[in-house]
């Protein structure tokens, strides 16, 4: 299913489960900026919209309803994602609204959410930068919350995956040697295993058939991994 069909299905799913102000807020709030984020950033990373909730209602520190652009809850971790345009959130904001905005973000963190602010301008001009930043931010959390009893990855394999995610998705055997304190033969062995499991792909040196490093493949759609 392509993005347009999946986005329509996902939006209708959430509309059918809302009434009153919650439905109205979804229809009013999920506009151009939010749709750009879903299409240009979220979809290229995940290829699905599961566990992503648009215009998600939470109570602020005063007990009043407050809507977050997106909340993502894959298991036990919770992320609050806000799309922020310069005009709405900075240029046209007075001191009171600015203070309330900061207090809301602090309250979300107290409530257990990790808050992510996405610049609207980057969605228009540099979505690939936002994709790179989100991958680096989300991957370690997802790996951490994965089942420790999973038979798909051993402990050292998960350590290598976490290390690669912290290194912007690229890793060399020498990085594993230095980071985990194993010998080069062991490092190559487990990297090759992860290649066979579809988590790494070799990257060749320019104008050469020699492998110079390995690229992490972000397969967020695999629930057993995350």
C-alpha atoms as a PDB file:
ATOM      1  CA  UNK A   1       0.000   0.000   0.000  1.00  0.00           C
ATOM      2  CA  UNK A   2       1.360   3.422  -0.980  1.00  0.00           C
ATOM      3  CA  UNK A   3       1.600   6.442   1.275  1.00  0.00           C
ATOM      4  CA  UNK A   4      -1.563   8.213   0.089  1.00  0.00           C
ATOM      5  CA  UNK A   5      -3.747   5.157   0.683  1.00  0.00           C
ATOM      6  CA  UNK A   6      -2.130   4.348   4.020  1.00  0.00           C
ATOM      7  CA  UNK A   7      -2.372   7.962   5.220  1.00  0.00           C
ATOM      8  CA  UNK A   8      -6.080   8.094   4.336  1.00  0.00           C
ATOM      9  CA  UNK A   9      -6.739   4.775   6.072  1.00  0.00           C
ATOM     10  CA  UNK A  10      -4.783   5.851   9.164  1.00  0.00           C
ATOM     11  CA  UNK A  11      -6.534   9.207   9.407  1.00  0.00           C
ATOM     12  CA  UNK A  12     -10.002   7.671   9.013  1.00  0.00           C
ATOM     13  CA  UNK A  13      -9.144   5.098  11.676  1.00  0.00           C
ATOM     14  CA  UNK A  14      -8.451   7.853  14.203  1.00  0.00           C
ATOM     15  CA  UNK A  15     -11.431   9.974  13.162  1.00  0.00           C
ATOM     16  CA  UNK A  16     -13.854   7.114  13.737  1.00  0.00           C
ATOM     17  CA  UNK A  17     -12.627   6.792  17.312  1.00  0.00           C
ATOM     18  CA  UNK A  18     -13.119  10.452  18.232  1.00  0.00           C
ATOM     19  CA  UNK A  19     -16.034  12.742  18.897  1.00  0.00           C
ATOM     20  CA  UNK A  20     -16.564  16.379  19.892  1.00  0.00           C
ATOM     21  CA  UNK A  21     -13.507  18.543  20.451  1.00  0.00           C
ATOM     22  CA  UNK A  22     -11.088  15.638  19.954  1.00  0.00           C
ATOM     23  CA  UNK A  23     -12.472  15.001  16.461  1.00  0.00           C
ATOM     24  CA  UNK A  24     -12.607  18.703  15.646  1.00  0.00           C
ATOM     25  CA  UNK A  25      -9.017  19.181  16.736  1.00  0.00           C
ATOM     26  CA  UNK A  26      -7.879  16.308  14.526  1.00  0.00           C
ATOM     27  CA  UNK A  27      -9.672  17.764  11.499  1.00  0.00           C
ATOM     28  CA  UNK A  28      -8.310  21.265  12.191  1.00  0.00           C
ATOM     29  CA  UNK A  29      -4.877  20.364  13.472  1.00  0.00           C
ATOM     30  CA  UNK A  30      -3.641  17.759  11.014  1.00  0.00           C
ATOM     31  CA  UNK A  31      -2.789  20.217   8.268  1.00  0.00           C
ATOM     32  CA  UNK A  32       0.040  20.987   5.859  1.00  0.00           C
ATOM     33  CA  UNK A  33       2.982  20.861   8.279  1.00  0.00           C
ATOM     34  CA  UNK A  34       1.818  17.691   9.988  1.00  0.00           C
ATOM     35  CA  UNK A  35       1.100  15.997   6.672  1.00  0.00           C
ATOM     36  CA  UNK A  36       4.540  16.948   5.357  1.00  0.00           C
ATOM     37  CA  UNK A  37       6.132  15.383   8.423  1.00  0.00           C
ATOM     38  CA  UNK A  38       4.241  12.132   7.977  1.00  0.00           C
ATOM     39  CA  UNK A  39       4.961  11.928   4.242  1.00  0.00           C
ATOM     40  CA  UNK A  40       8.515  13.277   4.018  1.00  0.00           C
ATOM     41  CA  UNK A  41       9.987  12.004   7.289  1.00  0.00           C
ATOM     42  CA  UNK A  42       7.940   9.350   9.089  1.00  0.00           C
ATOM     43  CA  UNK A  43       6.941   7.276   6.071  1.00  0.00           C
ATOM     44  CA  UNK A  44      10.492   7.041   4.594  1.00  0.00           C
ATOM     45  CA  UNK A  45      11.787   5.815   7.970  1.00  0.00           C
ATOM     46  CA  UNK A  46       9.054   3.389   8.986  1.00  0.00           C
ATOM     47  CA  UNK A  47       6.981   2.608   5.904  1.00  0.00           C
ATOM     48  CA  UNK A  48       3.929   2.474   8.168  1.00  0.00           C
ATOM     49  CA  UNK A  49       1.963   4.658  10.593  1.00  0.00           C
ATOM     50  CA  UNK A  50       1.276   2.174  13.371  1.00  0.00           C
ATOM     51  CA  UNK A  51       1.548   3.478  16.948  1.00  0.00           C
ATOM     52  CA  UNK A  52       1.622   7.089  15.679  1.00  0.00           C
ATOM     53  CA  UNK A  53      -1.284   9.126  17.093  1.00  0.00           C
ATOM     54  CA  UNK A  54      -2.168  12.499  15.476  1.00  0.00           C
ATOM     55  CA  UNK A  55      -3.395  15.417  17.602  1.00  0.00           C
ATOM     56  CA  UNK A  56      -3.044  13.371  20.774  1.00  0.00           C
ATOM     57  CA  UNK A  57      -4.820  14.715  23.845  1.00  0.00           C
ATOM     58  CA  UNK A  58      -3.024  15.011  27.174  1.00  0.00           C
ATOM     59  CA  UNK A  59      -3.880  17.037  30.257  1.00  0.00           C
ATOM     60  CA  UNK A  60      -1.474  19.870  31.010  1.00  0.00           C
ATOM     61  CA  UNK A  61      -0.194  20.796  34.490  1.00  0.00           C
ATOM     62  CA  UNK A  62      -3.462  22.641  35.159  1.00  0.00           C
ATOM     63  CA  UNK A  63      -5.609  19.663  34.150  1.00  0.00           C
ATOM     64  CA  UNK A  64      -6.719  21.341  30.947  1.00  0.00           C
ATOM     65  CA  UNK A  65      -6.745  19.426  27.628  1.00  0.00           C
ATOM     66  CA  UNK A  66      -3.699  19.970  25.449  1.00  0.00           C
ATOM     67  CA  UNK A  67      -3.125  18.458  22.026  1.00  0.00           C
ATOM     68  CA  UNK A  68       0.285  17.281  20.857  1.00  0.00           C
ATOM     69  CA  UNK A  69       0.843  17.147  17.084  1.00  0.00           C
ATOM     70  CA  UNK A  70       1.904  13.499  17.317  1.00  0.00           C
ATOM     71  CA  UNK A  71       2.496  10.943  20.029  1.00  0.00           C
ATOM     72  CA  UNK A  72       4.345   7.743  19.246  1.00  0.00           C
ATOM     73  CA  UNK A  73       4.131   4.902  21.754  1.00  0.00           C
ATOM     74  CA  UNK A  74       5.993   1.795  20.573  1.00  0.00           C
ATOM     75  CA  UNK A  75       5.763  -0.298  23.715  1.00  0.00           C
ATOM     76  CA  UNK A  76       6.975   1.315  26.928  1.00  0.00           C
ATOM     77  CA  UNK A  77       8.650   4.412  25.470  1.00  0.00           C
ATOM     78  CA  UNK A  78       6.651   7.549  24.634  1.00  0.00           C
ATOM     79  CA  UNK A  79       7.617  10.369  22.287  1.00  0.00           C
ATOM     80  CA  UNK A  80       5.756  13.667  21.880  1.00  0.00           C
ATOM     81  CA  UNK A  81       6.459  15.231  18.481  1.00  0.00           C
ATOM     82  CA  UNK A  82       5.675  18.871  17.754  1.00  0.00           C
ATOM     83  CA  UNK A  83       5.946  20.564  14.354  1.00  0.00           C
ATOM     84  CA  UNK A  84       7.096  24.136  15.027  1.00  0.00           C
ATOM     85  CA  UNK A  85       6.901  26.988  12.546  1.00  0.00           C
ATOM     86  CA  UNK A  86       8.836  30.169  13.241  1.00  0.00           C
ATOM     87  CA  UNK A  87       5.804  32.463  12.889  1.00  0.00           C
ATOM     88  CA  UNK A  88       3.394  30.504  15.077  1.00  0.00           C
ATOM     89  CA  UNK A  89       5.801  29.471  17.810  1.00  0.00           C
ATOM     90  CA  UNK A  90       8.264  32.381  17.925  1.00  0.00           C
ATOM     91  CA  UNK A  91       7.515  35.469  15.870  1.00  0.00           C
ATOM     92  CA  UNK A  92       3.821  35.750  16.739  1.00  0.00           C
ATOM     93  CA  UNK A  93       4.087  34.535  20.337  1.00  0.00           C
ATOM     94  CA  UNK A  94       3.796  36.884  23.309  1.00  0.00           C
ATOM     95  CA  UNK A  95       5.547  36.292  26.614  1.00  0.00           C
ATOM     96  CA  UNK A  96       2.571  34.532  28.211  1.00  0.00           C
ATOM     97  CA  UNK A  97       2.085  32.064  25.367  1.00  0.00           C
ATOM     98  CA  UNK A  98       5.828  31.459  25.149  1.00  0.00           C
ATOM     99  CA  UNK A  99       5.988  30.678  28.872  1.00  0.00           C
ATOM    100  CA  UNK A 100       3.000  28.339  28.612  1.00  0.00           C
ATOM    101  CA  UNK A 101       4.641  26.540  25.689  1.00  0.00           C
ATOM    102  CA  UNK A 102       7.794  25.910  27.704  1.00  0.00           C
ATOM    103  CA  UNK A 103       5.770  24.746  30.710  1.00  0.00           C
ATOM    104  CA  UNK A 104       3.825  22.303  28.539  1.00  0.00           C
ATOM    105  CA  UNK A 105       7.039  20.788  27.228  1.00  0.00           C
ATOM    106  CA  UNK A 106       8.384  20.402  30.753  1.00  0.00           C
ATOM    107  CA  UNK A 107       5.136  18.795  31.889  1.00  0.00           C
ATOM    108  CA  UNK A 108       5.236  16.319  29.001  1.00  0.00           C
ATOM    109  CA  UNK A 109       8.691  15.243  30.135  1.00  0.00           C
ATOM    110  CA  UNK A 110       7.456  14.881  33.718  1.00  0.00           C
ATOM    111  CA  UNK A 111       4.637  12.686  32.340  1.00  0.00           C
ATOM    112  CA  UNK A 112       7.215  10.381  30.767  1.00  0.00           C
ATOM    113  CA  UNK A 113       7.328  11.696  27.206  1.00  0.00           C
ATOM    114  CA  UNK A 114      10.494  12.460  25.297  1.00  0.00           C
ATOM    115  CA  UNK A 115       9.751  15.708  23.494  1.00  0.00           C
ATOM    116  CA  UNK A 116      10.921  16.190  19.909  1.00  0.00           C
ATOM    117  CA  UNK A 117      10.611  19.574  18.176  1.00  0.00           C
ATOM    118  CA  UNK A 118      10.622  19.460  14.365  1.00  0.00           C
ATOM    119  CA  UNK A 119      11.290  22.757  12.514  1.00  0.00           C
ATOM    120  CA  UNK A 120       8.650  23.337   9.849  1.00  0.00           C
ATOM    121  CA  UNK A 121      11.235  24.925   7.540  1.00  0.00           C
ATOM    122  CA  UNK A 122      13.307  21.716   7.541  1.00  0.00           C
ATOM    123  CA  UNK A 123      10.309  19.718   6.366  1.00  0.00           C
ATOM    124  CA  UNK A 124      10.194  21.932   3.288  1.00  0.00           C
ATOM    125  CA  UNK A 125      13.884  22.356   2.545  1.00  0.00           C
ATOM    126  CA  UNK A 126      15.836  19.579   4.303  1.00  0.00           C
ATOM    127  CA  UNK A 127      13.658  16.576   5.261  1.00  0.00           C
ATOM    128  CA  UNK A 128      16.666  14.260   4.876  1.00  0.00           C
ATOM    129  CA  UNK A 129      18.335  16.045   7.813  1.00  0.00           C
ATOM    130  CA  UNK A 130      15.287  15.436  10.001  1.00  0.00           C
ATOM    131  CA  UNK A 131      15.244  11.796   8.897  1.00  0.00           C
ATOM    132  CA  UNK A 132      18.891  11.389   9.907  1.00  0.00           C
ATOM    133  CA  UNK A 133      18.351  13.027  13.298  1.00  0.00           C
ATOM    134  CA  UNK A 134      15.244  10.973  14.095  1.00  0.00           C
ATOM    135  CA  UNK A 135      16.975   7.726  13.169  1.00  0.00           C
ATOM    136  CA  UNK A 136      19.867   8.546  15.490  1.00  0.00           C
ATOM    137  CA  UNK A 137      17.448   9.513  18.286  1.00  0.00           C
ATOM    138  CA  UNK A 138      14.888   6.721  18.021  1.00  0.00           C
ATOM    139  CA  UNK A 139      17.018   3.677  17.245  1.00  0.00           C
ATOM    140  CA  UNK A 140      18.839   3.391  20.608  1.00  0.00           C
ATOM    141  CA  UNK A 141      15.556   3.702  22.521  1.00  0.00           C
ATOM    142  CA  UNK A 142      13.898   1.047  20.414  1.00  0.00           C
ATOM    143  CA  UNK A 143      16.828  -1.300  20.769  1.00  0.00           C
ATOM    144  CA  UNK A 144      16.862  -0.718  24.531  1.00  0.00           C
ATOM    145  CA  UNK A 145      13.182  -1.575  24.881  1.00  0.00           C
ATOM    146  CA  UNK A 146      13.356  -4.673  22.712  1.00  0.00           C
ATOM    147  CA  UNK A 147      12.904  -8.002  24.427  1.00  0.00           C
ATOM    148  CA  UNK A 148      16.125  -9.109  26.054  1.00  0.00           C
ATOM    149  CA  UNK A 149      14.988 -12.669  25.514  1.00  0.00           C
ATOM    150  CA  UNK A 150      14.671 -12.279  21.763  1.00  0.00           C
ATOM    151  CA  UNK A 151      16.454 -15.090  19.944  1.00  0.00           C
ATOM    152  CA  UNK A 152      17.039 -13.010  16.819  1.00  0.00           C
ATOM    153  CA  UNK A 153      19.969 -11.024  18.234  1.00  0.00           C
ATOM    154  CA  UNK A 154      22.601 -11.936  20.772  1.00  0.00           C
ATOM    155  CA  UNK A 155      23.810  -9.434  23.331  1.00  0.00           C
ATOM    156  CA  UNK A 156      26.953  -8.578  21.354  1.00  0.00           C
ATOM    157  CA  UNK A 157      24.883  -8.157  18.179  1.00  0.00           C
ATOM    158  CA  UNK A 158      22.572  -5.677  19.939  1.00  0.00           C
ATOM    159  CA  UNK A 159      25.634  -3.826  21.277  1.00  0.00           C
ATOM    160  CA  UNK A 160      27.007  -3.519  17.737  1.00  0.00           C
ATOM    161  CA  UNK A 161      23.639  -2.268  16.443  1.00  0.00           C
ATOM    162  CA  UNK A 162      23.458   0.361  19.187  1.00  0.00           C
ATOM    163  CA  UNK A 163      27.004   1.440  18.437  1.00  0.00           C
ATOM    164  CA  UNK A 164      26.231   1.798  14.725  1.00  0.00           C
ATOM    165  CA  UNK A 165      23.128   3.879  15.477  1.00  0.00           C
ATOM    166  CA  UNK A 166      25.211   6.267  17.597  1.00  0.00           C
ATOM    167  CA  UNK A 167      27.711   6.588  14.735  1.00  0.00           C
ATOM    168  CA  UNK A 168      25.103   7.847  12.265  1.00  0.00           C
ATOM    169  CA  UNK A 169      24.502   4.386  10.818  1.00  0.00           C
ATOM    170  CA  UNK A 170      28.064   3.631   9.688  1.00  0.00           C
ATOM    171  CA  UNK A 171      30.515   1.275  11.394  1.00  0.00           C
ATOM    172  CA  UNK A 172      33.871  -0.408  10.771  1.00  0.00           C
ATOM    173  CA  UNK A 173      35.303  -3.561  12.383  1.00  0.00           C
ATOM    174  CA  UNK A 174      37.918  -1.389  14.107  1.00  0.00           C
ATOM    175  CA  UNK A 175      35.091   0.572  15.762  1.00  0.00           C
ATOM    176  CA  UNK A 176      33.739  -2.656  17.243  1.00  0.00           C
ATOM    177  CA  UNK A 177      37.233  -3.675  18.371  1.00  0.00           C
ATOM    178  CA  UNK A 178      37.772  -0.369  20.153  1.00  0.00           C
ATOM    179  CA  UNK A 179      34.223   0.027  21.463  1.00  0.00           C
ATOM    180  CA  UNK A 180      33.564  -3.485  22.757  1.00  0.00           C
ATOM    181  CA  UNK A 181      37.084  -4.683  23.475  1.00  0.00           C
ATOM    182  CA  UNK A 182      36.901  -7.731  21.191  1.00  0.00           C
ATOM    183  CA  UNK A 183      39.496  -8.854  18.658  1.00  0.00           C
ATOM    184  CA  UNK A 184      39.231  -8.046  14.951  1.00  0.00           C
ATOM    185  CA  UNK A 185      38.258 -11.596  14.010  1.00  0.00           C
ATOM    186  CA  UNK A 186      35.317 -11.539  16.429  1.00  0.00           C
ATOM    187  CA  UNK A 187      34.262  -8.101  15.232  1.00  0.00           C
ATOM    188  CA  UNK A 188      34.199  -9.238  11.599  1.00  0.00           C
ATOM    189  CA  UNK A 189      32.369 -12.432  12.541  1.00  0.00           C
ATOM    190  CA  UNK A 190      29.451 -10.625  14.173  1.00  0.00           C
ATOM    191  CA  UNK A 191      29.274  -7.903  11.550  1.00  0.00           C
ATOM    192  CA  UNK A 192      29.007 -10.615   8.889  1.00  0.00           C
ATOM    193  CA  UNK A 193      26.267 -12.317  10.914  1.00  0.00           C
ATOM    194  CA  UNK A 194      24.357  -9.031  11.068  1.00  0.00           C
ATOM    195  CA  UNK A 195      24.802  -8.661   7.304  1.00  0.00           C
ATOM    196  CA  UNK A 196      23.218 -12.091   6.861  1.00  0.00           C
ATOM    197  CA  UNK A 197      20.353 -11.021   9.130  1.00  0.00           C
ATOM    198  CA  UNK A 198      19.750  -7.986   6.955  1.00  0.00           C
ATOM    199  CA  UNK A 199      20.897  -5.371   9.483  1.00  0.00           C
ATOM    200  CA  UNK A 200      24.084  -4.239   7.716  1.00  0.00           C
ATOM    201  CA  UNK A 201      25.149  -3.866   4.121  1.00  0.00           C
ATOM    202  CA  UNK A 202      28.784  -3.543   3.008  1.00  0.00           C
ATOM    203  CA  UNK A 203      29.926  -0.206   1.571  1.00  0.00           C
ATOM    204  CA  UNK A 204      32.766  -0.357  -0.948  1.00  0.00           C
ATOM    205  CA  UNK A 205      35.634   2.101  -1.052  1.00  0.00           C
ATOM    206  CA  UNK A 206      35.504   4.499  -3.992  1.00  0.00           C
ATOM    207  CA  UNK A 207      36.838   2.919  -7.211  1.00  0.00           C
ATOM    208  CA  UNK A 208      37.557  -0.321  -5.360  1.00  0.00           C
ATOM    209  CA  UNK A 209      36.025  -3.686  -4.549  1.00  0.00           C
ATOM    210  CA  UNK A 210      37.279  -3.472  -0.963  1.00  0.00           C
ATOM    211  CA  UNK A 211      34.714  -3.076   1.816  1.00  0.00           C
ATOM    212  CA  UNK A 212      35.579   0.026   3.827  1.00  0.00           C
ATOM    213  CA  UNK A 213      32.627   0.124   6.256  1.00  0.00           C
ATOM    214  CA  UNK A 214      29.124  -1.182   6.902  1.00  0.00           C
ATOM    215  CA  UNK A 215      25.844   0.717   6.776  1.00  0.00           C
ATOM    216  CA  UNK A 216      23.058   0.061   9.291  1.00  0.00           C
ATOM    217  CA  UNK A 217      19.731  -0.818   7.682  1.00  0.00           C
ATOM    218  CA  UNK A 218      16.910   0.692   9.759  1.00  0.00           C
ATOM    219  CA  UNK A 219      14.190  -1.938   9.550  1.00  0.00           C
ATOM    220  CA  UNK A 220      11.683  -0.255  11.913  1.00  0.00           C
ATOM    221  CA  UNK A 221       8.865  -2.319  10.430  1.00  0.00           C
ATOM    222  CA  UNK A 222      10.208  -5.471  12.093  1.00  0.00           C
ATOM    223  CA  UNK A 223       8.401  -5.577  15.464  1.00  0.00           C
ATOM    224  CA  UNK A 224      10.484  -8.510  16.698  1.00  0.00           C
ATOM    225  CA  UNK A 225      13.628  -6.393  16.478  1.00  0.00           C
ATOM    226  CA  UNK A 226      12.220  -3.282  18.119  1.00  0.00           C
END
